[in-house]
Amino acid sequence: MTGKTAFETQYGFARKDVRLETWRLSPFNRWSFQNVGELVPSAHVAAAPGGEEQAKSVGTLLEEKVSFAGGSETVGSFLKRSDTD
């Protein structure tokens, strides 16, 4: 009897499936870009004091319609469909 690990239950795939060959592909990229230090050598680089800015509001950007050869859709639906964070 093999059950799912807590990782598989939370993310929908096994941790061992995230490798250098797959870490930039969906669905692995949603986890790997937030945990890149587990996959490739990384160093923490602190920001310069006072270098942070407030995030700009996207306002209604996600509801904007974009047109393309096959039709149109909202920016939000495109981002979701294209596995873009």
PDB file of N, CA and C in Angstrom:
ATOM      1  N   MET A   1       0.838  -1.173   0.000  1.00  0.00           N
ATOM      2  CA  MET A   1       0.000   0.000   0.000  1.00  0.00           C
ATOM      3  C   MET A   1       0.888   1.244   0.000  1.00  0.00           C
ATOM      4  N   THR A   2       0.741   2.060  -1.008  1.00  0.00           N
ATOM      5  CA  THR A   2       1.521   3.288  -1.064  1.00  0.00           C
ATOM      6  C   THR A   2       0.580   4.478  -1.053  1.00  0.00           C
ATOM      7  N   GLY A   3       0.752   5.325  -0.061  1.00  0.00           N
ATOM      8  CA  GLY A   3      -0.066   6.531   0.043  1.00  0.00           C
ATOM      9  C   GLY A   3       0.712   7.733  -0.452  1.00  0.00           C
ATOM     10  N   LYS A   4       0.030   8.825  -0.557  1.00  0.00           N
ATOM     11  CA  LYS A   4       0.678  10.063  -0.983  1.00  0.00           C
ATOM     12  C   LYS A   4       1.387  10.709   0.196  1.00  0.00           C
ATOM     13  N   THR A   5       2.509  11.327  -0.092  1.00  0.00           N
ATOM     14  CA  THR A   5       3.209  12.087   0.937  1.00  0.00           C
ATOM     15  C   THR A   5       2.477  13.412   1.136  1.00  0.00           C
ATOM     16  N   ALA A   6       2.811  14.104   2.217  1.00  0.00           N
ATOM     17  CA  ALA A   6       2.214  15.418   2.463  1.00  0.00           C
ATOM     18  C   ALA A   6       2.556  16.370   1.316  1.00  0.00           C
ATOM     19  N   PHE A   7       3.773  16.261   0.783  1.00  0.00           N
ATOM     20  CA  PHE A   7       4.192  17.097  -0.344  1.00  0.00           C
ATOM     21  C   PHE A   7       3.304  16.826  -1.557  1.00  0.00           C
ATOM     22  N   GLU A   8       3.099  15.548  -1.894  1.00  0.00           N
ATOM     23  CA  GLU A   8       2.258  15.192  -3.045  1.00  0.00           C
ATOM     24  C   GLU A   8       0.822  15.668  -2.866  1.00  0.00           C
ATOM     25  N   THR A   9       0.317  15.551  -1.658  1.00  0.00           N
ATOM     26  CA  THR A   9      -1.049  16.000  -1.387  1.00  0.00           C
ATOM     27  C   THR A   9      -1.168  17.506  -1.579  1.00  0.00           C
ATOM     28  N   GLN A  10      -0.173  18.251  -1.105  1.00  0.00           N
ATOM     29  CA  GLN A  10      -0.231  19.709  -1.202  1.00  0.00           C
ATOM     30  C   GLN A  10       0.017  20.220  -2.616  1.00  0.00           C
ATOM     31  N   TYR A  11       0.997  19.636  -3.319  1.00  0.00           N
ATOM     32  CA  TYR A  11       1.406  20.194  -4.612  1.00  0.00           C
ATOM     33  C   TYR A  11       0.933  19.392  -5.823  1.00  0.00           C
ATOM     34  N   GLY A  12       0.512  18.157  -5.630  1.00  0.00           N
ATOM     35  CA  GLY A  12      -0.006  17.373  -6.741  1.00  0.00           C
ATOM     36  C   GLY A  12       1.044  16.594  -7.517  1.00  0.00           C
ATOM     37  N   PHE A  13       2.275  16.576  -7.040  1.00  0.00           N
ATOM     38  CA  PHE A  13       3.346  15.808  -7.671  1.00  0.00           C
ATOM     39  C   PHE A  13       4.371  15.451  -6.607  1.00  0.00           C
ATOM     40  N   ALA A  14       5.203  14.450  -6.896  1.00  0.00           N
ATOM     41  CA  ALA A  14       6.217  14.013  -5.943  1.00  0.00           C
ATOM     42  C   ALA A  14       7.417  14.956  -5.978  1.00  0.00           C
ATOM     43  N   ARG A  15       8.018  15.204  -4.844  1.00  0.00           N
ATOM     44  CA  ARG A  15       9.193  16.080  -4.758  1.00  0.00           C
ATOM     45  C   ARG A  15      10.311  15.569  -5.650  1.00  0.00           C
ATOM     46  N   LYS A  16      10.457  14.252  -5.761  1.00  0.00           N
ATOM     47  CA  LYS A  16      11.526  13.673  -6.572  1.00  0.00           C
ATOM     48  C   LYS A  16      11.359  13.971  -8.058  1.00  0.00           C
ATOM     49  N   ASP A  17      10.159  14.369  -8.475  1.00  0.00           N
ATOM     50  CA  ASP A  17       9.910  14.693  -9.883  1.00  0.00           C
ATOM     51  C   ASP A  17      10.408  16.085 -10.266  1.00  0.00           C
ATOM     52  N   VAL A  18      10.780  16.886  -9.271  1.00  0.00           N
ATOM     53  CA  VAL A  18      11.308  18.229  -9.549  1.00  0.00           C
ATOM     54  C   VAL A  18      12.823  18.104  -9.657  1.00  0.00           C
ATOM     55  N   ARG A  19      13.307  18.193 -10.891  1.00  0.00           N
ATOM     56  CA  ARG A  19      14.741  18.055 -11.166  1.00  0.00           C
ATOM     57  C   ARG A  19      15.185  19.226 -12.044  1.00  0.00           C
ATOM     58  N   LEU A  20      16.463  19.309 -12.319  1.00  0.00           N
ATOM     59  CA  LEU A  20      16.951  20.384 -13.180  1.00  0.00           C
ATOM     60  C   LEU A  20      16.298  20.343 -14.556  1.00  0.00           C
ATOM     61  N   GLU A  21      15.884  19.164 -15.008  1.00  0.00           N
ATOM     62  CA  GLU A  21      15.236  19.042 -16.315  1.00  0.00           C
ATOM     63  C   GLU A  21      13.784  19.523 -16.286  1.00  0.00           C
ATOM     64  N   THR A  22      13.163  19.558 -15.106  1.00  0.00           N
ATOM     65  CA  THR A  22      11.724  19.841 -15.035  1.00  0.00           C
ATOM     66  C   THR A  22      11.353  21.071 -14.217  1.00  0.00           C
ATOM     67  N   TRP A  23      12.272  21.665 -13.496  1.00  0.00           N
ATOM     68  CA  TRP A  23      11.918  22.690 -12.513  1.00  0.00           C
ATOM     69  C   TRP A  23      11.285  23.937 -13.108  1.00  0.00           C
ATOM     70  N   ARG A  24      11.488  24.211 -14.393  1.00  0.00           N
ATOM     71  CA  ARG A  24      10.893  25.402 -15.011  1.00  0.00           C
ATOM     72  C   ARG A  24       9.580  25.099 -15.728  1.00  0.00           C
ATOM     73  N   LEU A  25       9.135  23.843 -15.682  1.00  0.00           N
ATOM     74  CA  LEU A  25       7.911  23.439 -16.373  1.00  0.00           C
ATOM     75  C   LEU A  25       6.747  23.334 -15.396  1.00  0.00           C
ATOM     76  N   SER A  26       5.550  23.565 -15.918  1.00  0.00           N
ATOM     77  CA  SER A  26       4.339  23.394 -15.107  1.00  0.00           C
ATOM     78  C   SER A  26       4.101  21.906 -14.899  1.00  0.00           C
ATOM     79  N   PRO A  27       3.678  21.474 -13.766  1.00  0.00           N
ATOM     80  CA  PRO A  27       3.273  22.219 -12.584  1.00  0.00           C
ATOM     81  C   PRO A  27       4.412  22.459 -11.601  1.00  0.00           C
ATOM     82  N   PHE A  28       5.592  21.955 -11.902  1.00  0.00           N
ATOM     83  CA  PHE A  28       6.709  22.015 -10.959  1.00  0.00           C
ATOM     84  C   PHE A  28       7.182  23.440 -10.682  1.00  0.00           C
ATOM     85  N   ASN A  29       7.053  24.338 -11.680  1.00  0.00           N
ATOM     86  CA  ASN A  29       7.584  25.691 -11.532  1.00  0.00           C
ATOM     87  C   ASN A  29       6.923  26.477 -10.409  1.00  0.00           C
ATOM     88  N   ARG A  30       5.688  26.188 -10.089  1.00  0.00           N
ATOM     89  CA  ARG A  30       5.023  26.939  -9.014  1.00  0.00           C
ATOM     90  C   ARG A  30       5.707  26.694  -7.667  1.00  0.00           C
ATOM     91  N   TRP A  31       6.198  25.500  -7.456  1.00  0.00           N
ATOM     92  CA  TRP A  31       6.926  25.199  -6.227  1.00  0.00           C
ATOM     93  C   TRP A  31       8.398  25.576  -6.371  1.00  0.00           C
ATOM     94  N   SER A  32       9.016  25.210  -7.480  1.00  0.00           N
ATOM     95  CA  SER A  32      10.465  25.332  -7.606  1.00  0.00           C
ATOM     96  C   SER A  32      10.974  26.765  -7.608  1.00  0.00           C
ATOM     97  N   PHE A  33      10.243  27.709  -8.205  1.00  0.00           N
ATOM     98  CA  PHE A  33      10.731  29.088  -8.206  1.00  0.00           C
ATOM     99  C   PHE A  33      10.706  29.690  -6.807  1.00  0.00           C
ATOM    100  N   GLN A  34       9.891  29.155  -5.924  1.00  0.00           N
ATOM    101  CA  GLN A  34       9.876  29.635  -4.545  1.00  0.00           C
ATOM    102  C   GLN A  34      10.875  28.878  -3.676  1.00  0.00           C
ATOM    103  N   ASN A  35      11.419  27.785  -4.204  1.00  0.00           N
ATOM    104  CA  ASN A  35      12.351  26.955  -3.450  1.00  0.00           C
ATOM    105  C   ASN A  35      13.599  26.657  -4.274  1.00  0.00           C
ATOM    106  N   VAL A  36      14.005  27.594  -5.099  1.00  0.00           N
ATOM    107  CA  VAL A  36      15.106  27.379  -6.035  1.00  0.00           C
ATOM    108  C   VAL A  36      16.405  26.998  -5.324  1.00  0.00           C
ATOM    109  N   GLY A  37      16.583  27.445  -4.093  1.00  0.00           N
ATOM    110  CA  GLY A  37      17.782  27.108  -3.334  1.00  0.00           C
ATOM    111  C   GLY A  37      17.940  25.622  -3.077  1.00  0.00           C
ATOM    112  N   GLU A  38      16.854  24.865  -3.154  1.00  0.00           N
ATOM    113  CA  GLU A  38      16.936  23.415  -2.988  1.00  0.00           C
ATOM    114  C   GLU A  38      17.379  22.722  -4.272  1.00  0.00           C
ATOM    115  N   LEU A  39      17.353  23.449  -5.392  1.00  0.00           N
ATOM    116  CA  LEU A  39      17.641  22.842  -6.691  1.00  0.00           C
ATOM    117  C   LEU A  39      18.981  23.256  -7.275  1.00  0.00           C
ATOM    118  N   VAL A  40      19.362  24.495  -7.083  1.00  0.00           N
ATOM    119  CA  VAL A  40      20.623  25.000  -7.628  1.00  0.00           C
ATOM    120  C   VAL A  40      21.350  25.792  -6.544  1.00  0.00           C
ATOM    121  N   PRO A  41      22.683  25.836  -6.601  1.00  0.00           N
ATOM    122  CA  PRO A  41      23.419  26.619  -5.609  1.00  0.00           C
ATOM    123  C   PRO A  41      22.945  28.073  -5.628  1.00  0.00           C
ATOM    124  N   SER A  42      22.664  28.607  -4.466  1.00  0.00           N
ATOM    125  CA  SER A  42      22.114  29.958  -4.365  1.00  0.00           C
ATOM    126  C   SER A  42      22.727  30.687  -3.178  1.00  0.00           C
ATOM    127  N   ALA A  43      22.702  31.999  -3.247  1.00  0.00           N
ATOM    128  CA  ALA A  43      23.179  32.824  -2.137  1.00  0.00           C
ATOM    129  C   ALA A  43      22.154  33.908  -1.870  1.00  0.00           C
ATOM    130  N   HIS A  44      21.945  34.219  -0.607  1.00  0.00           N
ATOM    131  CA  HIS A  44      21.038  35.301  -0.237  1.00  0.00           C
ATOM    132  C   HIS A  44      21.791  36.619  -0.385  1.00  0.00           C
ATOM    133  N   VAL A  45      21.227  37.544  -1.126  1.00  0.00           N
ATOM    134  CA  VAL A  45      21.833  38.865  -1.302  1.00  0.00           C
ATOM    135  C   VAL A  45      20.838  39.878  -0.760  1.00  0.00           C
ATOM    136  N   ALA A  46      21.237  40.569   0.284  1.00  0.00           N
ATOM    137  CA  ALA A  46      20.344  41.538   0.921  1.00  0.00           C
ATOM    138  C   ALA A  46      20.197  42.781   0.052  1.00  0.00           C
ATOM    139  N   ALA A  47      19.033  43.372   0.108  1.00  0.00           N
ATOM    140  CA  ALA A  47      18.781  44.621  -0.613  1.00  0.00           C
ATOM    141  C   ALA A  47      19.468  45.772   0.103  1.00  0.00           C
ATOM    142  N   ALA A  48      19.809  46.790  -0.642  1.00  0.00           N
ATOM    143  CA  ALA A  48      20.392  47.986  -0.042  1.00  0.00           C
ATOM    144  C   ALA A  48      19.335  48.659   0.828  1.00  0.00           C
ATOM    145  N   PRO A  49      19.741  49.267   1.939  1.00  0.00           N
ATOM    146  CA  PRO A  49      18.767  49.952   2.792  1.00  0.00           C
ATOM    147  C   PRO A  49      17.995  51.011   2.002  1.00  0.00           C
ATOM    148  N   GLY A  50      16.701  51.046   2.208  1.00  0.00           N
ATOM    149  CA  GLY A  50      15.863  52.041   1.541  1.00  0.00           C
ATOM    150  C   GLY A  50      15.587  51.755   0.078  1.00  0.00           C
ATOM    151  N   GLY A  51      15.985  50.606  -0.406  1.00  0.00           N
ATOM    152  CA  GLY A  51      15.817  50.293  -1.822  1.00  0.00           C
ATOM    153  C   GLY A  51      14.472  49.697  -2.175  1.00  0.00           C
ATOM    154  N   GLU A  52      13.619  49.470  -1.189  1.00  0.00           N
ATOM    155  CA  GLU A  52      12.327  48.851  -1.470  1.00  0.00           C
ATOM    156  C   GLU A  52      11.293  49.892  -1.860  1.00  0.00           C
ATOM    157  N   GLU A  53      10.423  49.519  -2.786  1.00  0.00           N
ATOM    158  CA  GLU A  53       9.327  50.391  -3.193  1.00  0.00           C
ATOM    159  C   GLU A  53       8.011  49.672  -2.946  1.00  0.00           C
ATOM    160  N   GLN A  54       6.976  50.435  -2.745  1.00  0.00           N
ATOM    161  CA  GLN A  54       5.645  49.843  -2.608  1.00  0.00           C
ATOM    162  C   GLN A  54       5.245  49.221  -3.940  1.00  0.00           C
ATOM    163  N   ALA A  55       4.584  48.079  -3.882  1.00  0.00           N
ATOM    164  CA  ALA A  55       4.091  47.449  -5.105  1.00  0.00           C
ATOM    165  C   ALA A  55       3.002  48.321  -5.715  1.00  0.00           C
ATOM    166  N   LYS A  56       3.040  48.439  -7.014  1.00  0.00           N
ATOM    167  CA  LYS A  56       2.019  49.226  -7.701  1.00  0.00           C
ATOM    168  C   LYS A  56       0.749  48.395  -7.840  1.00  0.00           C
ATOM    169  N   SER A  57      -0.374  49.033  -7.721  1.00  0.00           N
ATOM    170  CA  SER A  57      -1.658  48.351  -7.857  1.00  0.00           C
ATOM    171  C   SER A  57      -1.875  47.963  -9.312  1.00  0.00           C
ATOM    172  N   VAL A  58      -2.359  46.743  -9.530  1.00  0.00           N
ATOM    173  CA  VAL A  58      -2.682  46.334 -10.898  1.00  0.00           C
ATOM    174  C   VAL A  58      -4.080  46.789 -11.275  1.00  0.00           C
ATOM    175  N   GLY A  59      -4.796  47.366 -10.302  1.00  0.00           N
ATOM    176  CA  GLY A  59      -6.130  47.896 -10.587  1.00  0.00           C
ATOM    177  C   GLY A  59      -7.010  46.868 -11.266  1.00  0.00           C
ATOM    178  N   THR A  60      -7.525  47.224 -12.414  1.00  0.00           N
ATOM    179  CA  THR A  60      -8.423  46.323 -13.142  1.00  0.00           C
ATOM    180  C   THR A  60      -7.708  45.600 -14.277  1.00  0.00           C
ATOM    181  N   LEU A  61      -6.382  45.568 -14.230  1.00  0.00           N
ATOM    182  CA  LEU A  61      -5.610  44.947 -15.302  1.00  0.00           C
ATOM    183  C   LEU A  61      -6.059  43.520 -15.592  1.00  0.00           C
ATOM    184  N   LEU A  62      -6.313  42.731 -14.545  1.00  0.00           N
ATOM    185  CA  LEU A  62      -6.677  41.328 -14.758  1.00  0.00           C
ATOM    186  C   LEU A  62      -8.006  41.165 -15.482  1.00  0.00           C
ATOM    187  N   GLU A  63      -8.849  42.180 -15.446  1.00  0.00           N
ATOM    188  CA  GLU A  63     -10.140  42.111 -16.131  1.00  0.00           C
ATOM    189  C   GLU A  63     -10.080  42.661 -17.560  1.00  0.00           C
ATOM    190  N   GLU A  64      -8.953  43.271 -17.938  1.00  0.00           N
ATOM    191  CA  GLU A  64      -8.812  43.821 -19.294  1.00  0.00           C
ATOM    192  C   GLU A  64      -8.896  42.699 -20.325  1.00  0.00           C
ATOM    193  N   LYS A  65      -9.551  42.971 -21.441  1.00  0.00           N
ATOM    194  CA  LYS A  65      -9.647  41.998 -22.537  1.00  0.00           C
ATOM    195  C   LYS A  65      -8.471  42.192 -23.489  1.00  0.00           C
ATOM    196  N   VAL A  66      -7.900  41.083 -23.934  1.00  0.00           N
ATOM    197  CA  VAL A  66      -6.862  41.106 -24.963  1.00  0.00           C
ATOM    198  C   VAL A  66      -7.362  40.287 -26.143  1.00  0.00           C
ATOM    199  N   SER A  67      -7.082  40.772 -27.344  1.00  0.00           N
ATOM    200  CA  SER A  67      -7.517  40.082 -28.557  1.00  0.00           C
ATOM    201  C   SER A  67      -6.331  39.409 -29.223  1.00  0.00           C
ATOM    202  N   PHE A  68      -6.596  38.295 -29.857  1.00  0.00           N
ATOM    203  CA  PHE A  68      -5.579  37.563 -30.598  1.00  0.00           C
ATOM    204  C   PHE A  68      -6.279  36.838 -31.736  1.00  0.00           C
ATOM    205  N   ALA A  69      -5.521  36.167 -32.593  1.00  0.00           N
ATOM    206  CA  ALA A  69      -6.079  35.550 -33.802  1.00  0.00           C
ATOM    207  C   ALA A  69      -7.232  34.593 -33.507  1.00  0.00           C
ATOM    208  N   GLY A  70      -7.170  33.880 -32.389  1.00  0.00           N
ATOM    209  CA  GLY A  70      -8.199  32.894 -32.074  1.00  0.00           C
ATOM    210  C   GLY A  70      -9.377  33.432 -31.287  1.00  0.00           C
ATOM    211  N   GLY A  71      -9.369  34.703 -30.943  1.00  0.00           N
ATOM    212  CA  GLY A  71     -10.466  35.262 -30.151  1.00  0.00           C
ATOM    213  C   GLY A  71      -9.963  36.297 -29.170  1.00  0.00           C
ATOM    214  N   SER A  72     -10.559  36.305 -27.991  1.00  0.00           N
ATOM    215  CA  SER A  72     -10.123  37.234 -26.948  1.00  0.00           C
ATOM    216  C   SER A  72     -10.387  36.613 -25.589  1.00  0.00           C
ATOM    217  N   GLU A  73      -9.706  37.131 -24.595  1.00  0.00           N
ATOM    218  CA  GLU A  73      -9.896  36.685 -23.214  1.00  0.00           C
ATOM    219  C   GLU A  73      -9.347  37.752 -22.290  1.00  0.00           C
ATOM    220  N   THR A  74      -9.610  37.608 -21.013  1.00  0.00           N
ATOM    221  CA  THR A  74      -9.085  38.579 -20.059  1.00  0.00           C
ATOM    222  C   THR A  74      -7.621  38.272 -19.772  1.00  0.00           C
ATOM    223  N   VAL A  75      -6.912  39.278 -19.305  1.00  0.00           N
ATOM    224  CA  VAL A  75      -5.519  39.086 -18.914  1.00  0.00           C
ATOM    225  C   VAL A  75      -5.445  38.015 -17.828  1.00  0.00           C
ATOM    226  N   GLY A  76      -6.358  38.064 -16.862  1.00  0.00           N
ATOM    227  CA  GLY A  76      -6.376  37.074 -15.778  1.00  0.00           C
ATOM    228  C   GLY A  76      -6.555  35.657 -16.281  1.00  0.00           C
ATOM    229  N   SER A  77      -7.471  35.440 -17.227  1.00  0.00           N
ATOM    230  CA  SER A  77      -7.682  34.082 -17.736  1.00  0.00           C
ATOM    231  C   SER A  77      -6.483  33.611 -18.547  1.00  0.00           C
ATOM    232  N   PHE A  78      -5.835  34.529 -19.275  1.00  0.00           N
ATOM    233  CA  PHE A  78      -4.626  34.151 -20.011  1.00  0.00           C
ATOM    234  C   PHE A  78      -3.528  33.714 -19.055  1.00  0.00           C
ATOM    235  N   LEU A  79      -3.307  34.481 -17.981  1.00  0.00           N
ATOM    236  CA  LEU A  79      -2.264  34.132 -17.022  1.00  0.00           C
ATOM    237  C   LEU A  79      -2.531  32.774 -16.394  1.00  0.00           C
ATOM    238  N   LYS A  80      -3.783  32.494 -16.071  1.00  0.00           N
ATOM    239  CA  LYS A  80      -4.128  31.203 -15.484  1.00  0.00           C
ATOM    240  C   LYS A  80      -3.925  30.071 -16.492  1.00  0.00           C
ATOM    241  N   ARG A  81      -4.393  30.277 -17.719  1.00  0.00           N
ATOM    242  CA  ARG A  81      -4.292  29.246 -18.760  1.00  0.00           C
ATOM    243  C   ARG A  81      -2.843  28.955 -19.135  1.00  0.00           C
ATOM    244  N   SER A  82      -1.984  29.964 -19.073  1.00  0.00           N
ATOM    245  CA  SER A  82      -0.597  29.794 -19.494  1.00  0.00           C
ATOM    246  C   SER A  82       0.328  29.428 -18.332  1.00  0.00           C
ATOM    247  N   ASP A  83      -0.247  29.066 -17.187  1.00  0.00           N
ATOM    248  CA  ASP A  83       0.533  28.683 -16.002  1.00  0.00           C
ATOM    249  C   ASP A  83       1.523  29.765 -15.605  1.00  0.00           C
ATOM    250  N   THR A  84       1.095  31.012 -15.675  1.00  0.00           N
ATOM    251  CA  THR A  84       1.929  32.148 -15.300  1.00  0.00           C
ATOM    252  C   THR A  84       1.555  32.591 -13.895  1.00  0.00           C
ATOM    253  N   ASP A  85       2.555  32.768 -13.047  1.00  0.00           N
ATOM    254  CA  ASP A  85       2.293  33.245 -11.690  1.00  0.00           C
ATOM    255  C   ASP A  85       2.151  34.741 -11.682  1.00  0.00           C
TER     256      ASP A  85
END
